[in-house]
Amino acid sequence: MIKDKAIQTFLDELASKASTPGGGSAAAIMGAMGAALVSMVCNLTIGKKNYEQAGDELKEVLNQAEKLRERLTDMVRADVEVFNRVMGAYGMPKETDAEKAARTEAIQTALKAATDVPLDCARACAEVINLSRVVAEKGNLNVISDAGVAVVAAEAALRSAALNVYINIGGIKDKSFAEQRSADLENILKGTAIETNEIYALVKSKL
């Protein structure tokens, strides 16, 4: 499992000539890091003096952030799997008409899966951005900079995941599917850059 490997091993593989892991896996890791930092701020705020009033809300934020961290970490593996499915489909025989038809169908099915994985990653990263605002507003000032790192990591992950959605949608022949996924992505992206900048500015104002 990629998620169980040492960071250095993962980075070495990311830098190698191998096609996987790639940008999709990197996006998922960045998003998971953002979620982990949200959890960190919660853990260092809950139960601390002067932050008692935020305790219940931050416990819920912590619960959500941990679920997102797990979800995003699992996407590292999912990204590799769908990429391999796409490559496997392109490698299918295409000598006869039947083989060509089967290959085309397999490619289209794989591309749809390879679109939905980064789309889900983008969706999860948008949720991390939203949680980052709460910890930026109510988190322990001693670790408030980590709330800023969380939101920046989450937005970078979201935009990175978006690129993987775009590249796969380009090869999908089912226009209804492509248009729906494009619309879904634009809805996710809408306002996130502004939100990230606002949260970043809020954190900076507290330093």
Protein backbone atom coordinates (compact mmCIF):
# COMPACT_ATOMS: atom_id res chain seq x y z
CA MET A 1 0.00 0.00 0.00
CA ILE A 2 1.41 3.37 -1.04
CA LYS A 3 0.01 5.08 2.05
CA ASP A 4 2.06 2.77 4.29
CA LYS A 5 5.36 3.63 2.65
CA ALA A 6 7.95 6.01 4.10
CA ILE A 7 7.78 9.60 2.84
CA GLN A 8 11.20 9.29 1.20
CA THR A 9 10.12 6.15 -0.65
CA PHE A 10 6.98 7.85 -1.89
CA LEU A 11 8.92 10.92 -3.06
CA ASP A 12 11.52 8.75 -4.79
CA GLU A 13 8.75 6.94 -6.65
CA LEU A 14 7.06 10.24 -7.47
CA ALA A 15 10.31 11.53 -8.98
CA SER A 16 11.09 8.34 -10.92
CA LYS A 17 10.39 7.44 -14.54
CA ALA A 18 7.39 5.39 -13.44
CA SER A 19 3.97 6.80 -14.37
CA THR A 20 2.60 6.15 -10.90
CA PRO A 21 2.37 7.62 -8.39
CA GLY A 22 1.82 10.93 -10.14
CA GLY A 23 0.07 14.25 -9.79
CA GLY A 24 -3.23 12.73 -8.71
CA SER A 25 -1.60 10.91 -5.82
CA ALA A 26 0.33 14.07 -4.91
CA ALA A 27 -2.92 16.04 -4.85
CA ALA A 28 -4.52 13.51 -2.50
CA ILE A 29 -1.51 13.65 -0.17
CA MET A 30 -1.58 17.46 -0.11
CA GLY A 31 -5.27 17.38 0.73
CA ALA A 32 -4.68 14.82 3.48
CA MET A 33 -1.93 17.02 4.90
CA GLY A 34 -4.34 19.95 4.99
CA ALA A 35 -6.90 17.83 6.85
CA ALA A 36 -4.21 16.60 9.27
CA LEU A 37 -3.23 20.19 10.08
CA VAL A 38 -6.85 21.08 10.77
CA SER A 39 -6.90 18.15 13.20
CA MET A 40 -3.65 19.35 14.77
CA VAL A 41 -5.06 22.79 15.50
CA CYS A 42 -8.19 21.22 16.97
CA ASN A 43 -6.18 18.86 19.16
CA LEU A 44 -4.07 21.73 20.48
CA THR A 45 -7.11 23.91 21.18
CA ILE A 46 -9.69 21.55 22.68
CA GLY A 47 -9.49 21.62 26.47
CA LYS A 48 -7.03 24.51 26.57
CA LYS A 49 -7.51 27.50 28.85
CA ASN A 50 -9.27 30.45 27.19
CA TYR A 51 -10.67 28.23 24.43
CA GLU A 52 -13.34 26.37 26.38
CA GLN A 53 -16.24 27.90 24.43
CA ALA A 54 -14.93 26.54 21.13
CA GLY A 55 -14.45 23.03 22.46
CA ASP A 56 -17.66 21.37 21.28
CA GLU A 57 -17.48 22.89 17.80
CA LEU A 58 -13.84 21.95 17.37
CA LYS A 59 -14.53 18.39 18.47
CA GLU A 60 -16.95 18.11 15.56
CA VAL A 61 -14.44 19.76 13.22
CA LEU A 62 -11.82 17.28 14.39
CA ASN A 63 -14.15 14.38 13.65
CA GLN A 64 -14.83 15.68 10.15
CA ALA A 65 -11.17 16.44 9.47
CA GLU A 66 -10.11 12.94 10.45
CA LYS A 67 -12.68 11.39 8.15
CA LEU A 68 -11.45 13.59 5.33
CA ARG A 69 -7.83 12.70 6.07
CA GLU A 70 -8.65 9.00 5.79
CA ARG A 71 -10.69 9.54 2.66
CA LEU A 72 -7.97 11.55 0.95
CA THR A 73 -5.22 9.13 1.97
CA ASP A 74 -7.18 6.28 0.40
CA MET A 75 -7.34 8.31 -2.82
CA VAL A 76 -3.58 7.95 -3.23
CA ARG A 77 -4.14 4.27 -3.95
CA ALA A 78 -7.32 4.91 -5.91
CA ASP A 79 -5.52 7.32 -8.23
CA VAL A 80 -2.85 4.74 -9.03
CA GLU A 81 -5.48 2.06 -9.64
CA VAL A 82 -7.56 4.12 -12.07
CA PHE A 83 -4.47 5.27 -13.96
CA ASN A 84 -3.39 1.67 -14.34
CA ARG A 85 -6.88 0.80 -15.59
CA VAL A 86 -6.61 3.48 -18.25
CA MET A 87 -3.17 2.31 -19.34
CA GLY A 88 -4.35 -1.30 -19.34
CA ALA A 89 -7.29 -0.39 -21.54
CA TYR A 90 -5.08 1.42 -24.05
CA GLY A 91 -2.85 -1.65 -24.14
CA MET A 92 -5.66 -3.99 -25.18
CA PRO A 93 -5.43 -5.67 -28.61
CA LYS A 94 -7.01 -3.88 -31.57
CA GLU A 95 -6.55 -6.21 -34.53
CA THR A 96 -10.17 -7.13 -35.18
CA ASP A 97 -13.32 -5.02 -35.12
CA ALA A 98 -14.48 -6.84 -32.00
CA GLU A 99 -11.18 -6.16 -30.27
CA LYS A 100 -11.32 -2.50 -31.28
CA ALA A 101 -14.85 -2.17 -29.91
CA ALA A 102 -13.93 -3.87 -26.64
CA ARG A 103 -10.84 -1.68 -26.31
CA THR A 104 -12.78 1.52 -26.96
CA GLU A 105 -15.41 0.58 -24.39
CA ALA A 106 -12.75 -0.31 -21.80
CA ILE A 107 -10.94 2.99 -22.40
CA GLN A 108 -14.11 5.03 -21.98
CA THR A 109 -15.09 3.20 -18.80
CA ALA A 110 -11.60 3.66 -17.37
CA LEU A 111 -11.51 7.37 -18.27
CA LYS A 112 -14.81 7.91 -16.46
CA ALA A 113 -13.38 6.27 -13.33
CA ALA A 114 -10.20 8.31 -13.73
CA THR A 115 -12.35 11.45 -13.80
CA ASP A 116 -14.44 10.61 -10.76
CA VAL A 117 -11.49 9.88 -8.46
CA PRO A 118 -9.87 13.35 -8.74
CA LEU A 119 -13.33 14.93 -8.73
CA ASP A 120 -13.98 13.31 -5.37
CA CYS A 121 -10.54 14.48 -4.26
CA ALA A 122 -11.43 18.05 -5.23
CA ARG A 123 -14.71 17.78 -3.35
CA ALA A 124 -12.95 16.56 -0.20
CA CYS A 125 -10.35 19.33 -0.45
CA ALA A 126 -13.09 21.94 -0.64
CA GLU A 127 -14.44 20.54 2.61
CA VAL A 128 -10.98 20.86 4.18
CA ILE A 129 -10.91 24.51 3.12
CA ASN A 130 -14.23 25.09 4.88
CA LEU A 131 -12.95 23.45 8.06
CA SER A 132 -9.80 25.54 7.89
CA ARG A 133 -11.86 28.68 8.38
CA VAL A 134 -13.25 27.39 11.66
CA VAL A 135 -9.82 26.62 13.11
CA ALA A 136 -8.47 29.90 11.75
CA GLU A 137 -11.24 31.74 13.58
CA LYS A 138 -11.27 29.77 16.83
CA GLY A 139 -8.00 27.87 17.05
CA ASN A 140 -5.20 28.21 19.58
CA LEU A 141 -3.14 31.26 18.63
CA ASN A 142 0.05 29.38 19.39
CA VAL A 143 -0.57 27.15 16.35
CA ILE A 144 -2.73 29.46 14.26
CA SER A 145 -0.16 29.54 11.45
CA ASP A 146 -0.89 25.84 10.92
CA ALA A 147 -4.48 26.74 10.06
CA GLY A 148 -3.05 28.88 7.27
CA VAL A 149 -0.84 26.06 6.04
CA ALA A 150 -3.89 23.78 6.10
CA VAL A 151 -5.97 25.97 3.83
CA VAL A 152 -3.12 26.63 1.40
CA ALA A 153 -2.38 22.90 1.17
CA ALA A 154 -6.05 22.11 0.64
CA GLU A 155 -6.47 24.66 -2.12
CA ALA A 156 -3.30 23.52 -3.88
CA ALA A 157 -4.62 19.97 -3.69
CA LEU A 158 -8.02 21.00 -5.02
CA ARG A 159 -6.54 22.85 -8.02
CA SER A 160 -4.19 19.95 -8.69
CA ALA A 161 -7.06 17.47 -8.61
CA ALA A 162 -8.98 19.71 -10.98
CA LEU A 163 -6.23 19.39 -13.58
CA ASN A 164 -6.60 15.61 -13.45
CA VAL A 165 -10.34 15.94 -13.99
CA TYR A 166 -9.79 18.18 -17.01
CA ILE A 167 -7.24 15.91 -18.68
CA ASN A 168 -9.47 12.83 -18.40
CA ILE A 169 -12.68 14.57 -19.43
CA GLY A 170 -10.96 15.55 -22.67
CA GLY A 171 -10.94 11.95 -23.84
CA ILE A 172 -14.50 11.04 -22.87
CA LYS A 173 -16.97 10.65 -25.74
CA ASP A 174 -20.06 10.65 -23.54
CA LYS A 175 -20.79 14.37 -23.70
CA SER A 176 -23.51 14.22 -21.06
CA PHE A 177 -21.09 12.65 -18.58
CA ALA A 178 -18.32 15.10 -19.47
CA GLU A 179 -20.56 18.16 -19.17
CA GLN A 180 -22.00 17.01 -15.85
CA ARG A 181 -18.57 16.35 -14.34
CA SER A 182 -17.28 19.67 -15.66
CA ALA A 183 -20.22 21.46 -14.07
CA ASP A 184 -19.67 19.60 -10.81
CA LEU A 185 -16.03 20.65 -10.77
CA GLU A 186 -16.79 24.29 -11.52
CA ASN A 187 -19.28 24.32 -8.64
CA ILE A 188 -16.60 22.93 -6.33
CA LEU A 189 -14.00 25.46 -7.50
CA LYS A 190 -16.39 28.41 -7.34
CA GLY A 191 -15.26 30.81 -4.64
CA THR A 192 -12.55 28.58 -3.20
CA ALA A 193 -9.68 30.87 -4.24
CA ILE A 194 -11.37 33.84 -2.58
CA GLU A 195 -12.16 31.76 0.49
CA THR A 196 -8.55 30.59 0.74
CA ASN A 197 -7.20 34.13 0.45
CA GLU A 198 -9.61 35.34 3.13
CA ILE A 199 -8.61 32.55 5.53
CA TYR A 200 -4.92 33.14 4.82
CA ALA A 201 -5.35 36.87 5.53
CA LEU A 202 -7.24 36.08 8.73
CA VAL A 203 -4.43 33.83 9.94
CA LYS A 204 -1.78 36.38 9.01
CA SER A 205 -3.63 39.07 10.96
CA LYS A 206 -3.33 36.95 14.11
CA LEU A 207 0.42 36.37 13.90
